[in-house]
C-alpha atoms as a PDB file:
ATOM      1  CA  UNK A   1      62.930  72.293  74.144  1.00  0.00           C
ATOM      2  CA  UNK A   2      62.469  75.836  72.584  1.00  0.00           C
ATOM      3  CA  UNK A   3      63.626  78.769  74.748  1.00  0.00           C
ATOM      4  CA  UNK A   4      60.606  81.302  74.300  1.00  0.00           C
ATOM      5  CA  UNK A   5      62.321  83.971  76.694  1.00  0.00           C
ATOM      6  CA  UNK A   6      65.629  83.911  75.097  1.00  0.00           C
ATOM      7  CA  UNK A   7      67.311  83.182  78.425  1.00  0.00           C
ATOM      8  CA  UNK A   8      70.385  81.591  76.731  1.00  0.00           C
ATOM      9  CA  UNK A   9      71.217  84.786  74.937  1.00  0.00           C
ATOM     10  CA  UNK A  10      70.782  86.679  78.168  1.00  0.00           C
ATOM     11  CA  UNK A  11      73.098  84.299  79.960  1.00  0.00           C
ATOM     12  CA  UNK A  12      75.744  84.690  77.352  1.00  0.00           C
ATOM     13  CA  UNK A  13      75.382  88.514  77.537  1.00  0.00           C
ATOM     14  CA  UNK A  14      75.654  88.425  81.389  1.00  0.00           C
ATOM     15  CA  UNK A  15      78.930  86.193  81.105  1.00  0.00           C
ATOM     16  CA  UNK A  16      80.840  88.889  78.865  1.00  0.00           C
ATOM     17  CA  UNK A  17      79.230  91.467  81.253  1.00  0.00           C
ATOM     18  CA  UNK A  18      80.605  89.696  84.165  1.00  0.00           C
ATOM     19  CA  UNK A  19      84.017  89.394  82.753  1.00  0.00           C
ATOM     20  CA  UNK A  20      84.155  93.126  81.960  1.00  0.00           C
ATOM     21  CA  UNK A  21      82.939  93.863  85.427  1.00  0.00           C
ATOM     22  CA  UNK A  22      85.475  91.683  87.221  1.00  0.00           C
ATOM     23  CA  UNK A  23      88.384  93.218  85.031  1.00  0.00           C
ATOM     24  CA  UNK A  24      87.075  96.722  85.970  1.00  0.00           C
ATOM     25  CA  UNK A  25      86.819  95.846  89.724  1.00  0.00           C
ATOM     26  CA  UNK A  26      90.436  94.520  89.689  1.00  0.00           C
ATOM     27  CA  UNK A  27      91.628  97.470  87.818  1.00  0.00           C
ATOM     28  CA  UNK A  28      90.040  99.766  90.431  1.00  0.00           C
ATOM     29  CA  UNK A  29      91.404  97.688  93.333  1.00  0.00           C
ATOM     30  CA  UNK A  30      94.836  97.942  91.779  1.00  0.00           C
ATOM     31  CA  UNK A  31      94.565 101.828  91.102  1.00  0.00           C
ATOM     32  CA  UNK A  32      93.467 102.442  94.682  1.00  0.00           C
ATOM     33  CA  UNK A  33      96.328 100.102  96.095  1.00  0.00           C
ATOM     34  CA  UNK A  34      98.809 101.922  94.270  1.00  0.00           C
ATOM     35  CA  UNK A  35      97.490 105.343  95.067  1.00  0.00           C
ATOM     36  CA  UNK A  36      97.706 104.326  98.728  1.00  0.00           C
ATOM     37  CA  UNK A  37     101.299 103.202  98.272  1.00  0.00           C
ATOM     38  CA  UNK A  38     101.984 106.555  96.583  1.00  0.00           C
ATOM     39  CA  UNK A  39     100.575 108.438  99.641  1.00  0.00           C
ATOM     40  CA  UNK A  40     103.060 106.488 101.838  1.00  0.00           C
ATOM     41  CA  UNK A  41     105.957 107.428  99.713  1.00  0.00           C
ATOM     42  CA  UNK A  42     104.801 111.047  99.640  1.00  0.00           C
ATOM     43  CA  UNK A  43     104.594 111.128 103.302  1.00  0.00           C
ATOM     44  CA  UNK A  44     108.211 109.600 103.798  1.00  0.00           C
ATOM     45  CA  UNK A  45     109.618 111.948 101.052  1.00  0.00           C
ATOM     46  CA  UNK A  46     108.001 115.100 102.596  1.00  0.00           C
ATOM     47  CA  UNK A  47     109.733 114.430 106.036  1.00  0.00           C
ATOM     48  CA  UNK A  48     106.426 113.693 107.840  1.00  0.00           C
ATOM     49  CA  UNK A  49     107.236 110.058 108.615  1.00  0.00           C
ATOM     50  CA  UNK A  50     107.866 110.645 112.359  1.00  0.00           C
ATOM     51  CA  UNK A  51     105.111 112.891 113.097  1.00  0.00           C
ATOM     52  CA  UNK A  52     101.833 111.855 114.508  1.00  0.00           C
ATOM     53  CA  UNK A  53      99.915 112.916 111.465  1.00  0.00           C
ATOM     54  CA  UNK A  54     102.355 111.239 109.230  1.00  0.00           C
ATOM     55  CA  UNK A  55     102.323 107.870 111.155  1.00  0.00           C
ATOM     56  CA  UNK A  56      98.334 107.862 111.170  1.00  0.00           C
ATOM     57  CA  UNK A  57      98.303 108.583 107.499  1.00  0.00           C
ATOM     58  CA  UNK A  58     100.715 105.828 106.664  1.00  0.00           C
ATOM     59  CA  UNK A  59      98.904 103.436 108.868  1.00  0.00           C
ATOM     60  CA  UNK A  60      95.438 104.290 107.233  1.00  0.00           C
ATOM     61  CA  UNK A  61      96.972 104.235 103.559  1.00  0.00           C
ATOM     62  CA  UNK A  62      98.479 100.857 104.090  1.00  0.00           C
ATOM     63  CA  UNK A  63      95.487  99.476 105.521  1.00  0.00           C
ATOM     64  CA  UNK A  64      93.240 100.781 102.735  1.00  0.00           C
ATOM     65  CA  UNK A  65      95.840  99.719  99.961  1.00  0.00           C
ATOM     66  CA  UNK A  66      96.418  96.281 101.641  1.00  0.00           C
ATOM     67  CA  UNK A  67      92.729  95.529 101.536  1.00  0.00           C
ATOM     68  CA  UNK A  68      92.339  96.479  98.058  1.00  0.00           C
ATOM     69  CA  UNK A  69      95.673  94.877  96.781  1.00  0.00           C
ATOM     70  CA  UNK A  70      94.722  91.638  98.578  1.00  0.00           C
ATOM     71  CA  UNK A  71      91.646  91.349  96.171  1.00  0.00           C
ATOM     72  CA  UNK A  72      94.059  91.688  93.265  1.00  0.00           C
ATOM     73  CA  UNK A  73      96.543  89.202  94.895  1.00  0.00           C
ATOM     74  CA  UNK A  74      93.872  86.668  95.712  1.00  0.00           C
ATOM     75  CA  UNK A  75      92.604  86.899  92.101  1.00  0.00           C
ATOM     76  CA  UNK A  76      96.153  86.206  90.778  1.00  0.00           C
ATOM     77  CA  UNK A  77      96.676  83.557  93.183  1.00  0.00           C
ATOM     78  CA  UNK A  78      93.578  81.664  92.203  1.00  0.00           C
ATOM     79  CA  UNK A  79      94.135  82.042  88.591  1.00  0.00           C
ATOM     80  CA  UNK A  80      91.068  84.254  88.039  1.00  0.00           C
ATOM     81  CA  UNK A  81      93.215  87.120  86.680  1.00  0.00           C
ATOM     82  CA  UNK A  82      95.006  84.950  84.189  1.00  0.00           C
ATOM     83  CA  UNK A  83      91.611  83.483  83.136  1.00  0.00           C
ATOM     84  CA  UNK A  84      90.047  86.911  82.606  1.00  0.00           C
ATOM     85  CA  UNK A  85      92.964  88.217  80.668  1.00  0.00           C
ATOM     86  CA  UNK A  86      93.055  85.029  78.466  1.00  0.00           C
ATOM     87  CA  UNK A  87      89.449  85.573  77.698  1.00  0.00           C
ATOM     88  CA  UNK A  88      89.830  89.232  77.003  1.00  0.00           C
ATOM     89  CA  UNK A  89      92.742  88.324  74.613  1.00  0.00           C
ATOM     90  CA  UNK A  90      90.772  85.649  72.882  1.00  0.00           C
ATOM     91  CA  UNK A  91      87.794  88.002  72.334  1.00  0.00           C
ATOM     92  CA  UNK A  92      89.936  90.768  70.855  1.00  0.00           C
ATOM     93  CA  UNK A  93      91.669  88.228  68.762  1.00  0.00           C
ATOM     94  CA  UNK A  94      88.359  87.134  67.045  1.00  0.00           C
ATOM     95  CA  UNK A  95      87.212  90.693  66.882  1.00  0.00           C
ATOM     96  CA  UNK A  96      84.365  90.203  69.292  1.00  0.00           C
ATOM     97  CA  UNK A  97      83.271  93.331  71.072  1.00  0.00           C
ATOM     98  CA  UNK A  98      81.460  92.947  74.393  1.00  0.00           C
END
């Protein structure tokens, strides 16, 4: 049966777009998690570790960082990250730009 609206072409475009969106989301989650960890290291290095402000900043930073890093860890655990990176390598190896 012919495809008059071209939905197959649209779905292929959405698949590569979805892959890029997933990679960008994981990269952003990793970035925010590392920034939160950096804040904790800064607070400890600045000597504010045992002040009320420092303790609250560490608790908040670890909570935010943990939530974002949990997304990256879950993606690595389920194999989604490996699959996305494999698809990215395959597309780059063939010279396909998405």
